[in-house]
Amino acid sequence: MLRIELMPWDKARAHASPIRFAVFVEEQGVPPQIELDEQDALSIHVVAFDDETPVATGRLLPDGHIGRMAVLKEWRGRGIGGALLEQLIKAACQRGDAEITLSAQVHAVPFYLRHGFVTEGDEYLEAGIRHRMMRRIL
């Protein structure tokens, strides 16, 4: 049974860090020192659990930027990423944000387009991976 929880970093860290490491560092080759930053403590985090197993995570920064969205490979394609994104959008709305932004890996752009985002600017490289900036007005 899928369960999604919003939580502060002190509670989310034990669940989110292994997911982010598996997806970004091990799977995509992002340098480990890039993965953790001071923004985590300032962000609202969401973690998805399948029964008691953490399977996906994401965060909402104070400036309305969504980041660190990661779903473990074996749980992809089940709608978990969309459910996480909707929880983060809801949190942004409740906080009073007028818009949200994110930096999407190019392969994930269609996913975000389906969730009401639009692309902005040109592609750019971040940690060796092509990205596009995206925005959604709330």
C-alpha atoms as a PDB file:
ATOM      1  CA  MET A   1       0.000   0.000   0.000  1.00  0.00           C
ATOM      2  CA  LEU A   2       1.471   3.345  -1.061  1.00  0.00           C
ATOM      3  CA  ARG A   3       1.711   6.065   1.577  1.00  0.00           C
ATOM      4  CA  ILE A   4       3.089   9.575   1.028  1.00  0.00           C
ATOM      5  CA  GLU A   5       4.264  11.772   3.891  1.00  0.00           C
ATOM      6  CA  LEU A   6       5.386  15.397   4.068  1.00  0.00           C
ATOM      7  CA  MET A   7       8.098  15.892   6.665  1.00  0.00           C
ATOM      8  CA  PRO A   8      11.014  18.094   7.745  1.00  0.00           C
ATOM      9  CA  TRP A   9      14.568  17.064   6.874  1.00  0.00           C
ATOM     10  CA  ASP A  10      15.431  15.762  10.342  1.00  0.00           C
ATOM     11  CA  LYS A  11      12.736  13.100   9.875  1.00  0.00           C
ATOM     12  CA  ALA A  12      13.151  12.640   6.088  1.00  0.00           C
ATOM     13  CA  ARG A  13      16.948  12.266   5.996  1.00  0.00           C
ATOM     14  CA  ALA A  14      17.058   8.565   6.911  1.00  0.00           C
ATOM     15  CA  HIS A  15      14.525   7.760   4.178  1.00  0.00           C
ATOM     16  CA  ALA A  16      15.439  10.267   1.451  1.00  0.00           C
ATOM     17  CA  SER A  17      19.238  10.069   1.472  1.00  0.00           C
ATOM     18  CA  PRO A  18      19.495   6.392   0.403  1.00  0.00           C
ATOM     19  CA  ILE A  19      16.938   6.936  -2.378  1.00  0.00           C
ATOM     20  CA  ARG A  20      18.714  10.020  -3.697  1.00  0.00           C
ATOM     21  CA  PHE A  21      22.106   8.300  -3.491  1.00  0.00           C
ATOM     22  CA  ALA A  22      20.820   5.236  -5.381  1.00  0.00           C
ATOM     23  CA  VAL A  23      19.213   7.301  -8.161  1.00  0.00           C
ATOM     24  CA  PHE A  24      21.551  10.251  -8.563  1.00  0.00           C
ATOM     25  CA  VAL A  25      24.966   8.938  -7.523  1.00  0.00           C
ATOM     26  CA  GLU A  26      24.855   5.211  -8.304  1.00  0.00           C
ATOM     27  CA  GLU A  27      22.497   5.227 -11.291  1.00  0.00           C
ATOM     28  CA  GLN A  28      23.262   8.590 -12.921  1.00  0.00           C
ATOM     29  CA  GLY A  29      26.846   9.184 -11.812  1.00  0.00           C
ATOM     30  CA  VAL A  30      26.258  12.528 -10.073  1.00  0.00           C
ATOM     31  CA  PRO A  31      29.208  13.325  -7.772  1.00  0.00           C
ATOM     32  CA  PRO A  32      28.211  12.510  -4.155  1.00  0.00           C
ATOM     33  CA  GLN A  33      29.300  15.940  -2.860  1.00  0.00           C
ATOM     34  CA  ILE A  34      26.657  17.573  -5.095  1.00  0.00           C
ATOM     35  CA  GLU A  35      23.852  15.398  -3.769  1.00  0.00           C
ATOM     36  CA  LEU A  36      23.670  16.825  -0.225  1.00  0.00           C
ATOM     37  CA  ASP A  37      23.466  20.560   0.366  1.00  0.00           C
ATOM     38  CA  GLU A  38      22.430  23.097   2.982  1.00  0.00           C
ATOM     39  CA  GLN A  39      19.037  23.499   1.291  1.00  0.00           C
ATOM     40  CA  ASP A  40      17.767  20.222   2.735  1.00  0.00           C
ATOM     41  CA  ALA A  41      17.357  21.653   6.226  1.00  0.00           C
ATOM     42  CA  LEU A  42      15.305  24.552   4.806  1.00  0.00           C
ATOM     43  CA  SER A  43      13.036  22.443   2.604  1.00  0.00           C
ATOM     44  CA  ILE A  44       9.770  20.575   2.927  1.00  0.00           C
ATOM     45  CA  HIS A  45      10.342  16.927   2.039  1.00  0.00           C
ATOM     46  CA  VAL A  46       8.003  14.252   0.768  1.00  0.00           C
ATOM     47  CA  VAL A  47       8.692  10.537   1.004  1.00  0.00           C
ATOM     48  CA  ALA A  48       6.641   7.742  -0.555  1.00  0.00           C
ATOM     49  CA  PHE A  49       6.498   4.375   1.185  1.00  0.00           C
ATOM     50  CA  ASP A  50       5.381   1.031  -0.218  1.00  0.00           C
ATOM     51  CA  ASP A  51       4.206  -0.551   3.008  1.00  0.00           C
ATOM     52  CA  GLU A  52       7.155   0.503   5.201  1.00  0.00           C
ATOM     53  CA  THR A  53       9.796   0.665   2.454  1.00  0.00           C
ATOM     54  CA  PRO A  54      10.788   4.181   1.294  1.00  0.00           C
ATOM     55  CA  VAL A  55      10.680   4.194  -2.521  1.00  0.00           C
ATOM     56  CA  ALA A  56      10.646   7.850  -3.646  1.00  0.00           C
ATOM     57  CA  THR A  57      11.377  11.351  -2.423  1.00  0.00           C
ATOM     58  CA  GLY A  58      11.358  15.028  -3.396  1.00  0.00           C
ATOM     59  CA  ARG A  59      11.682  18.448  -1.786  1.00  0.00           C
ATOM     60  CA  LEU A  60      10.229  21.951  -1.944  1.00  0.00           C
ATOM     61  CA  LEU A  61      12.664  24.762  -1.231  1.00  0.00           C
ATOM     62  CA  PRO A  62      11.655  28.041   0.443  1.00  0.00           C
ATOM     63  CA  ASP A  63      11.860  29.880  -2.915  1.00  0.00           C
ATOM     64  CA  GLY A  64       9.282  27.554  -4.542  1.00  0.00           C
ATOM     65  CA  HIS A  65      11.817  25.383  -6.350  1.00  0.00           C
ATOM     66  CA  ILE A  66      11.073  21.651  -6.442  1.00  0.00           C
ATOM     67  CA  GLY A  67      14.106  19.416  -6.471  1.00  0.00           C
ATOM     68  CA  ARG A  68      15.677  16.084  -5.713  1.00  0.00           C
ATOM     69  CA  MET A  69      12.691  14.167  -7.116  1.00  0.00           C
ATOM     70  CA  ALA A  70      13.788  10.531  -7.182  1.00  0.00           C
ATOM     71  CA  VAL A  71      11.912   7.238  -7.551  1.00  0.00           C
ATOM     72  CA  LEU A  72      13.814   3.982  -7.121  1.00  0.00           C
ATOM     73  CA  LYS A  73      14.091   2.154 -10.443  1.00  0.00           C
ATOM     74  CA  GLU A  74      11.936  -0.848  -9.496  1.00  0.00           C
ATOM     75  CA  TRP A  75       9.014   1.431  -8.501  1.00  0.00           C
ATOM     76  CA  ARG A  76       8.992   3.657 -11.608  1.00  0.00           C
ATOM     77  CA  GLY A  77       5.989   3.636 -13.899  1.00  0.00           C
ATOM     78  CA  ARG A  78       3.461   3.234 -11.089  1.00  0.00           C
ATOM     79  CA  GLY A  79       2.419   6.885 -10.733  1.00  0.00           C
ATOM     80  CA  ILE A  80       4.500   7.465  -7.611  1.00  0.00           C
ATOM     81  CA  GLY A  81       6.431  10.410  -9.078  1.00  0.00           C
ATOM     82  CA  GLY A  82       3.183  12.151 -10.027  1.00  0.00           C
ATOM     83  CA  ALA A  83       1.739  11.558  -6.564  1.00  0.00           C
ATOM     84  CA  LEU A  84       4.872  13.036  -4.950  1.00  0.00           C
ATOM     85  CA  LEU A  85       4.785  16.026  -7.266  1.00  0.00           C
ATOM     86  CA  GLU A  86       1.134  16.707  -6.470  1.00  0.00           C
ATOM     87  CA  GLN A  87       1.895  16.648  -2.725  1.00  0.00           C
ATOM     88  CA  LEU A  88       4.711  19.165  -3.204  1.00  0.00           C
ATOM     89  CA  ILE A  89       2.455  21.389  -5.331  1.00  0.00           C
ATOM     90  CA  LYS A  90      -0.219  21.207  -2.621  1.00  0.00           C
ATOM     91  CA  ALA A  91       2.367  22.221   0.006  1.00  0.00           C
ATOM     92  CA  ALA A  92       3.447  25.166  -2.161  1.00  0.00           C
ATOM     93  CA  CYS A  93      -0.192  26.281  -2.572  1.00  0.00           C
ATOM     94  CA  GLN A  94      -0.848  26.011   1.171  1.00  0.00           C
ATOM     95  CA  ARG A  95       2.270  28.063   1.833  1.00  0.00           C
ATOM     96  CA  GLY A  96       0.979  30.737  -0.553  1.00  0.00           C
ATOM     97  CA  ASP A  97       3.514  30.342  -3.353  1.00  0.00           C
ATOM     98  CA  ALA A  98       2.396  31.924  -6.639  1.00  0.00           C
ATOM     99  CA  GLU A  99       4.520  29.627  -8.797  1.00  0.00           C
ATOM    100  CA  ILE A 100       6.932  26.746  -8.620  1.00  0.00           C
ATOM    101  CA  THR A 101      10.053  26.065 -10.641  1.00  0.00           C
ATOM    102  CA  LEU A 102      12.295  23.097 -11.177  1.00  0.00           C
ATOM    103  CA  SER A 103      15.310  21.951 -13.124  1.00  0.00           C
ATOM    104  CA  ALA A 104      14.228  18.846 -15.053  1.00  0.00           C
ATOM    105  CA  GLN A 105      16.520  16.323 -16.608  1.00  0.00           C
ATOM    106  CA  VAL A 106      15.707  16.428 -20.319  1.00  0.00           C
ATOM    107  CA  HIS A 107      14.361  12.869 -20.350  1.00  0.00           C
ATOM    108  CA  ALA A 108      11.858  13.874 -17.607  1.00  0.00           C
ATOM    109  CA  VAL A 109      10.518  16.997 -19.382  1.00  0.00           C
ATOM    110  CA  PRO A 110       7.449  15.176 -20.822  1.00  0.00           C
ATOM    111  CA  PHE A 111       6.499  14.032 -17.295  1.00  0.00           C
ATOM    112  CA  TYR A 112       6.510  17.621 -16.019  1.00  0.00           C
ATOM    113  CA  LEU A 113       4.676  18.919 -19.094  1.00  0.00           C
ATOM    114  CA  ARG A 114       1.870  16.446 -18.287  1.00  0.00           C
ATOM    115  CA  HIS A 115       1.707  18.021 -14.820  1.00  0.00           C
ATOM    116  CA  GLY A 116       1.162  21.586 -16.051  1.00  0.00           C
ATOM    117  CA  PHE A 117       4.745  22.872 -16.274  1.00  0.00           C
ATOM    118  CA  VAL A 118       6.178  24.829 -19.199  1.00  0.00           C
ATOM    119  CA  THR A 119       9.807  24.901 -20.304  1.00  0.00           C
ATOM    120  CA  GLU A 120      11.924  28.036 -20.114  1.00  0.00           C
ATOM    121  CA  GLY A 121      15.232  28.851 -21.759  1.00  0.00           C
ATOM    122  CA  ASP A 122      17.684  26.547 -23.426  1.00  0.00           C
ATOM    123  CA  GLU A 123      19.011  23.194 -22.309  1.00  0.00           C
ATOM    124  CA  TYR A 124      22.047  23.320 -20.034  1.00  0.00           C
ATOM    125  CA  LEU A 125      24.363  20.823 -18.363  1.00  0.00           C
ATOM    126  CA  GLU A 126      24.167  20.234 -14.621  1.00  0.00           C
ATOM    127  CA  ALA A 127      26.431  17.536 -13.146  1.00  0.00           C
ATOM    128  CA  GLY A 128      27.002  16.314 -16.713  1.00  0.00           C
ATOM    129  CA  ILE A 129      23.260  15.763 -17.358  1.00  0.00           C
ATOM    130  CA  ARG A 130      21.174  17.853 -19.779  1.00  0.00           C
ATOM    131  CA  HIS A 131      18.455  19.873 -18.001  1.00  0.00           C
ATOM    132  CA  ARG A 132      15.686  22.374 -18.783  1.00  0.00           C
ATOM    133  CA  MET A 133      14.232  24.945 -16.418  1.00  0.00           C
ATOM    134  CA  MET A 134      10.477  24.572 -15.980  1.00  0.00           C
ATOM    135  CA  ARG A 135       7.770  26.643 -14.299  1.00  0.00           C
ATOM    136  CA  ARG A 136       4.173  26.200 -13.212  1.00  0.00           C
ATOM    137  CA  ILE A 137       1.895  29.035 -12.133  1.00  0.00           C
ATOM    138  CA  LEU A 138      -0.258  28.024  -9.164  1.00  0.00           C
END
